[in-house]
Amino acid sequence: MGFWYLLMFFVGVLLLVLGALRHDVPKSIKIVILLFSFGLIFVIGSLVLLLSGSDTILFELLE
């Protein structure tokens, strides 16, 4: 399971970098915002899932 969390983390970092490096914002502002927000969600989600005790956190949230 840790492999998938790390993969999600790296995809999130990649999306963050792609969103931050786009300098033609007026032409594609929606794409930049989507890349940045999805990257941020992936990074935060994967870091939460990599914490010890994340299974109890998910159990509490889904209960």
PDB file of N, CA and C in Angstrom:
ATOM      1  N   MET A   1       0.814  -1.193   0.000  1.00  0.00           N
ATOM      2  CA  MET A   1       0.000   0.000   0.000  1.00  0.00           C
ATOM      3  C   MET A   1       0.859   1.258   0.000  1.00  0.00           C
ATOM      4  N   GLY A   2       2.006   1.209   0.645  1.00  0.00           N
ATOM      5  CA  GLY A   2       2.861   2.373   0.706  1.00  0.00           C
ATOM      6  C   GLY A   2       3.344   2.815  -0.666  1.00  0.00           C
ATOM      7  N   PHE A   3       3.502   1.855  -1.576  1.00  0.00           N
ATOM      8  CA  PHE A   3       3.926   2.190  -2.936  1.00  0.00           C
ATOM      9  C   PHE A   3       2.912   3.111  -3.602  1.00  0.00           C
ATOM     10  N   TRP A   4       1.639   2.801  -3.448  1.00  0.00           N
ATOM     11  CA  TRP A   4       0.600   3.614  -4.090  1.00  0.00           C
ATOM     12  C   TRP A   4       0.519   5.000  -3.462  1.00  0.00           C
ATOM     13  N   TYR A   5       0.756   5.089  -2.149  1.00  0.00           N
ATOM     14  CA  TYR A   5       0.739   6.391  -1.485  1.00  0.00           C
ATOM     15  C   TYR A   5       1.908   7.242  -1.959  1.00  0.00           C
ATOM     16  N   LEU A   6       3.079   6.622  -2.105  1.00  0.00           N
ATOM     17  CA  LEU A   6       4.231   7.360  -2.618  1.00  0.00           C
ATOM     18  C   LEU A   6       4.035   7.757  -4.080  1.00  0.00           C
ATOM     19  N   LEU A   7       3.419   6.876  -4.850  1.00  0.00           N
ATOM     20  CA  LEU A   7       3.127   7.202  -6.238  1.00  0.00           C
ATOM     21  C   LEU A   7       2.158   8.382  -6.316  1.00  0.00           C
ATOM     22  N   MET A   8       1.145   8.385  -5.464  1.00  0.00           N
ATOM     23  CA  MET A   8       0.206   9.494  -5.419  1.00  0.00           C
ATOM     24  C   MET A   8       0.908  10.782  -4.980  1.00  0.00           C
ATOM     25  N   PHE A   9       1.867  10.665  -4.059  1.00  0.00           N
ATOM     26  CA  PHE A   9       2.633  11.826  -3.615  1.00  0.00           C
ATOM     27  C   PHE A   9       3.446  12.410  -4.769  1.00  0.00           C
ATOM     28  N   PHE A  10       4.140  11.554  -5.516  1.00  0.00           N
ATOM     29  CA  PHE A  10       4.963  12.039  -6.618  1.00  0.00           C
ATOM     30  C   PHE A  10       4.119  12.624  -7.756  1.00  0.00           C
ATOM     31  N   VAL A  11       2.960  12.042  -8.013  1.00  0.00           N
ATOM     32  CA  VAL A  11       2.065  12.609  -9.019  1.00  0.00           C
ATOM     33  C   VAL A  11       1.573  13.977  -8.554  1.00  0.00           C
ATOM     34  N   GLY A  12       1.283  14.100  -7.263  1.00  0.00           N
ATOM     35  CA  GLY A  12       0.869  15.389  -6.721  1.00  0.00           C
ATOM     36  C   GLY A  12       1.960  16.433  -6.824  1.00  0.00           C
ATOM     37  N   VAL A  13       3.197  16.045  -6.522  1.00  0.00           N
ATOM     38  CA  VAL A  13       4.319  16.977  -6.649  1.00  0.00           C
ATOM     39  C   VAL A  13       4.513  17.373  -8.105  1.00  0.00           C
ATOM     40  N   LEU A  14       4.389  16.421  -9.005  1.00  0.00           N
ATOM     41  CA  LEU A  14       4.508  16.723 -10.433  1.00  0.00           C
ATOM     42  C   LEU A  14       3.434  17.709 -10.880  1.00  0.00           C
ATOM     43  N   LEU A  15       2.205  17.510 -10.431  1.00  0.00           N
ATOM     44  CA  LEU A  15       1.130  18.424 -10.787  1.00  0.00           C
ATOM     45  C   LEU A  15       1.361  19.812 -10.195  1.00  0.00           C
ATOM     46  N   LEU A  16       1.888  19.863  -8.969  1.00  0.00           N
ATOM     47  CA  LEU A  16       2.208  21.158  -8.365  1.00  0.00           C
ATOM     48  C   LEU A  16       3.271  21.893  -9.160  1.00  0.00           C
ATOM     49  N   VAL A  17       4.304  21.164  -9.577  1.00  0.00           N
ATOM     50  CA  VAL A  17       5.384  21.789 -10.346  1.00  0.00           C
ATOM     51  C   VAL A  17       4.864  22.260 -11.703  1.00  0.00           C
ATOM     52  N   LEU A  18       4.065  21.434 -12.365  1.00  0.00           N
ATOM     53  CA  LEU A  18       3.504  21.830 -13.655  1.00  0.00           C
ATOM     54  C   LEU A  18       2.596  23.050 -13.511  1.00  0.00           C
ATOM     55  N   GLY A  19       1.838  23.092 -12.439  1.00  0.00           N
ATOM     56  CA  GLY A  19       0.977  24.244 -12.219  1.00  0.00           C
ATOM     57  C   GLY A  19       1.754  25.496 -11.890  1.00  0.00           C
ATOM     58  N   ALA A  20       2.866  25.359 -11.192  1.00  0.00           N
ATOM     59  CA  ALA A  20       3.662  26.523 -10.815  1.00  0.00           C
ATOM     60  C   ALA A  20       4.515  27.039 -11.966  1.00  0.00           C
ATOM     61  N   LEU A  21       4.896  26.186 -12.892  1.00  0.00           N
ATOM     62  CA  LEU A  21       5.769  26.592 -13.982  1.00  0.00           C
ATOM     63  C   LEU A  21       5.028  27.176 -15.180  1.00  0.00           C
ATOM     64  N   ARG A  22       3.729  27.118 -15.181  1.00  0.00           N
ATOM     65  CA  ARG A  22       2.964  27.671 -16.302  1.00  0.00           C
ATOM     66  C   ARG A  22       2.914  29.183 -16.162  1.00  0.00           C
ATOM     67  N   HIS A  23       3.549  29.898 -17.089  1.00  0.00           N
ATOM     68  CA  HIS A  23       3.600  31.349 -17.023  1.00  0.00           C
ATOM     69  C   HIS A  23       2.576  32.014 -17.940  1.00  0.00           C
ATOM     70  N   ASP A  24       1.934  31.260 -18.792  1.00  0.00           N
ATOM     71  CA  ASP A  24       0.925  31.837 -19.673  1.00  0.00           C
ATOM     72  C   ASP A  24      -0.456  31.731 -19.022  1.00  0.00           C
ATOM     73  N   VAL A  25      -0.587  32.333 -17.855  1.00  0.00           N
ATOM     74  CA  VAL A  25      -1.787  32.194 -17.041  1.00  0.00           C
ATOM     75  C   VAL A  25      -3.044  32.755 -17.706  1.00  0.00           C
ATOM     76  N   PRO A  26      -3.022  33.927 -18.340  1.00  0.00           N
ATOM     77  CA  PRO A  26      -4.278  34.439 -18.903  1.00  0.00           C
ATOM     78  C   PRO A  26      -4.914  33.509 -19.938  1.00  0.00           C
ATOM     79  N   LYS A  27      -4.089  32.779 -20.666  1.00  0.00           N
ATOM     80  CA  LYS A  27      -4.629  31.915 -21.711  1.00  0.00           C
ATOM     81  C   LYS A  27      -5.192  30.608 -21.143  1.00  0.00           C
ATOM     82  N   SER A  28      -4.580  30.114 -20.097  1.00  0.00           N
ATOM     83  CA  SER A  28      -5.008  28.806 -19.583  1.00  0.00           C
ATOM     84  C   SER A  28      -5.101  28.832 -18.059  1.00  0.00           C
ATOM     85  N   ILE A  29      -5.829  29.755 -17.531  1.00  0.00           N
ATOM     86  CA  ILE A  29      -5.908  29.893 -16.081  1.00  0.00           C
ATOM     87  C   ILE A  29      -6.640  28.713 -15.441  1.00  0.00           C
ATOM     88  N   LYS A  30      -7.604  28.146 -16.137  1.00  0.00           N
ATOM     89  CA  LYS A  30      -8.328  27.005 -15.583  1.00  0.00           C
ATOM     90  C   LYS A  30      -7.419  25.794 -15.435  1.00  0.00           C
ATOM     91  N   ILE A  31      -6.560  25.569 -16.408  1.00  0.00           N
ATOM     92  CA  ILE A  31      -5.652  24.420 -16.355  1.00  0.00           C
ATOM     93  C   ILE A  31      -4.651  24.592 -15.215  1.00  0.00           C
ATOM     94  N   VAL A  32      -4.137  25.786 -15.046  1.00  0.00           N
ATOM     95  CA  VAL A  32      -3.165  26.032 -13.985  1.00  0.00           C
ATOM     96  C   VAL A  32      -3.808  25.830 -12.620  1.00  0.00           C
ATOM     97  N   ILE A  33      -5.006  26.341 -12.444  1.00  0.00           N
ATOM     98  CA  ILE A  33      -5.689  26.185 -11.160  1.00  0.00           C
ATOM     99  C   ILE A  33      -6.006  24.720 -10.903  1.00  0.00           C
ATOM    100  N   LEU A  34      -6.449  23.993 -11.919  1.00  0.00           N
ATOM    101  CA  LEU A  34      -6.751  22.572 -11.743  1.00  0.00           C
ATOM    102  C   LEU A  34      -5.502  21.764 -11.416  1.00  0.00           C
ATOM    103  N   LEU A  35      -4.412  22.006 -12.140  1.00  0.00           N
ATOM    104  CA  LEU A  35      -3.177  21.278 -11.852  1.00  0.00           C
ATOM    105  C   LEU A  35      -2.697  21.554 -10.431  1.00  0.00           C
ATOM    106  N   PHE A  36      -2.729  22.814 -10.045  1.00  0.00           N
ATOM    107  CA  PHE A  36      -2.248  23.185  -8.719  1.00  0.00           C
ATOM    108  C   PHE A  36      -3.140  22.606  -7.627  1.00  0.00           C
ATOM    109  N   SER A  37      -4.450  22.686  -7.808  1.00  0.00           N
ATOM    110  CA  SER A  37      -5.340  22.190  -6.759  1.00  0.00           C
ATOM    111  C   SER A  37      -5.308  20.662  -6.666  1.00  0.00           C
ATOM    112  N   PHE A  38      -5.300  19.964  -7.805  1.00  0.00           N
ATOM    113  CA  PHE A  38      -5.210  18.506  -7.757  1.00  0.00           C
ATOM    114  C   PHE A  38      -3.869  18.059  -7.187  1.00  0.00           C
ATOM    115  N   GLY A  39      -2.804  18.757  -7.537  1.00  0.00           N
ATOM    116  CA  GLY A  39      -1.503  18.424  -6.965  1.00  0.00           C
ATOM    117  C   GLY A  39      -1.486  18.610  -5.467  1.00  0.00           C
ATOM    118  N   LEU A  40      -2.066  19.691  -4.986  1.00  0.00           N
ATOM    119  CA  LEU A  40      -2.125  19.944  -3.548  1.00  0.00           C
ATOM    120  C   LEU A  40      -2.963  18.885  -2.838  1.00  0.00           C
ATOM    121  N   ILE A  41      -4.076  18.508  -3.436  1.00  0.00           N
ATOM    122  CA  ILE A  41      -4.921  17.470  -2.839  1.00  0.00           C
ATOM    123  C   ILE A  41      -4.183  16.136  -2.799  1.00  0.00           C
ATOM    124  N   PHE A  42      -3.483  15.787  -3.865  1.00  0.00           N
ATOM    125  CA  PHE A  42      -2.743  14.517  -3.898  1.00  0.00           C
ATOM    126  C   PHE A  42      -1.632  14.508  -2.854  1.00  0.00           C
ATOM    127  N   VAL A  43      -0.892  15.603  -2.730  1.00  0.00           N
ATOM    128  CA  VAL A  43       0.211  15.644  -1.772  1.00  0.00           C
ATOM    129  C   VAL A  43      -0.323  15.553  -0.348  1.00  0.00           C
ATOM    130  N   ILE A  44      -1.331  16.317  -0.018  1.00  0.00           N
ATOM    131  CA  ILE A  44      -1.884  16.274   1.339  1.00  0.00           C
ATOM    132  C   ILE A  44      -2.502  14.910   1.623  1.00  0.00           C
ATOM    133  N   GLY A  45      -3.230  14.371   0.659  1.00  0.00           N
ATOM    134  CA  GLY A  45      -3.844  13.056   0.846  1.00  0.00           C
ATOM    135  C   GLY A  45      -2.825  11.952   1.039  1.00  0.00           C
ATOM    136  N   SER A  46      -1.768  11.973   0.256  1.00  0.00           N
ATOM    137  CA  SER A  46      -0.766  10.916   0.397  1.00  0.00           C
ATOM    138  C   SER A  46       0.007  11.060   1.703  1.00  0.00           C
ATOM    139  N   LEU A  47       0.279  12.290   2.141  1.00  0.00           N
ATOM    140  CA  LEU A  47       0.973  12.471   3.413  1.00  0.00           C
ATOM    141  C   LEU A  47       0.106  12.028   4.585  1.00  0.00           C
ATOM    142  N   VAL A  48      -1.182  12.276   4.512  1.00  0.00           N
ATOM    143  CA  VAL A  48      -2.086  11.809   5.562  1.00  0.00           C
ATOM    144  C   VAL A  48      -2.129  10.290   5.577  1.00  0.00           C
ATOM    145  N   LEU A  49      -2.173   9.669   4.395  1.00  0.00           N
ATOM    146  CA  LEU A  49      -2.233   8.218   4.325  1.00  0.00           C
ATOM    147  C   LEU A  49      -0.926   7.563   4.763  1.00  0.00           C
ATOM    148  N   LEU A  50       0.192   8.264   4.649  1.00  0.00           N
ATOM    149  CA  LEU A  50       1.467   7.690   5.079  1.00  0.00           C
ATOM    150  C   LEU A  50       1.699   7.821   6.586  1.00  0.00           C
ATOM    151  N   LEU A  51       0.873   8.585   7.282  1.00  0.00           N
ATOM    152  CA  LEU A  51       1.028   8.725   8.730  1.00  0.00           C
ATOM    153  C   LEU A  51       0.705   7.414   9.427  1.00  0.00           C
ATOM    154  N   SER A  52       1.345   7.214  10.554  1.00  0.00           N
ATOM    155  CA  SER A  52       0.992   6.029  11.335  1.00  0.00           C
ATOM    156  C   SER A  52      -0.362   6.284  11.988  1.00  0.00           C
ATOM    157  N   GLY A  53      -1.200   5.300  11.959  1.00  0.00           N
ATOM    158  CA  GLY A  53      -2.542   5.439  12.508  1.00  0.00           C
ATOM    159  C   GLY A  53      -3.531   6.018  11.528  1.00  0.00           C
ATOM    160  N   SER A  54      -3.169   6.082  10.254  1.00  0.00           N
ATOM    161  CA  SER A  54      -4.089   6.647   9.272  1.00  0.00           C
ATOM    162  C   SER A  54      -5.307   5.749   9.071  1.00  0.00           C
ATOM    163  N   ASP A  55      -5.164   4.469   9.356  1.00  0.00           N
ATOM    164  CA  ASP A  55      -6.311   3.585   9.208  1.00  0.00           C
ATOM    165  C   ASP A  55      -7.403   3.926  10.218  1.00  0.00           C
ATOM    166  N   THR A  56      -7.028   4.325  11.419  1.00  0.00           N
ATOM    167  CA  THR A  56      -8.042   4.715  12.403  1.00  0.00           C
ATOM    168  C   THR A  56      -8.682   6.053  12.028  1.00  0.00           C
ATOM    169  N   ILE A  57      -7.892   6.958  11.438  1.00  0.00           N
ATOM    170  CA  ILE A  57      -8.453   8.238  10.990  1.00  0.00           C
ATOM    171  C   ILE A  57      -9.482   8.000   9.889  1.00  0.00           C
ATOM    172  N   LEU A  58      -9.138   7.150   8.917  1.00  0.00           N
ATOM    173  CA  LEU A  58     -10.074   6.847   7.834  1.00  0.00           C
ATOM    174  C   LEU A  58     -11.303   6.112   8.351  1.00  0.00           C
ATOM    175  N   PHE A  59     -11.108   5.245   9.333  1.00  0.00           N
ATOM    176  CA  PHE A  59     -12.239   4.517   9.916  1.00  0.00           C
ATOM    177  C   PHE A  59     -13.199   5.484  10.594  1.00  0.00           C
ATOM    178  N   GLU A  60     -12.649   6.457  11.318  1.00  0.00           N
ATOM    179  CA  GLU A  60     -13.485   7.463  11.992  1.00  0.00           C
ATOM    180  C   GLU A  60     -14.224   8.335  10.978  1.00  0.00           C
ATOM    181  N   LEU A  61     -13.547   8.716   9.892  1.00  0.00           N
ATOM    182  CA  LEU A  61     -14.182   9.566   8.893  1.00  0.00           C
ATOM    183  C   LEU A  61     -15.274   8.844   8.116  1.00  0.00           C
ATOM    184  N   LEU A  62     -15.061   7.571   7.835  1.00  0.00           N
ATOM    185  CA  LEU A  62     -16.018   6.826   7.028  1.00  0.00           C
ATOM    186  C   LEU A  62     -17.129   6.178   7.849  1.00  0.00           C
ATOM    187  N   GLU A  63     -17.035   6.218   9.149  1.00  0.00           N
ATOM    188  CA  GLU A  63     -18.043   5.583   9.996  1.00  0.00           C
ATOM    189  C   GLU A  63     -19.317   6.346  10.066  1.00  0.00           C
TER     190      GLU A  63
END
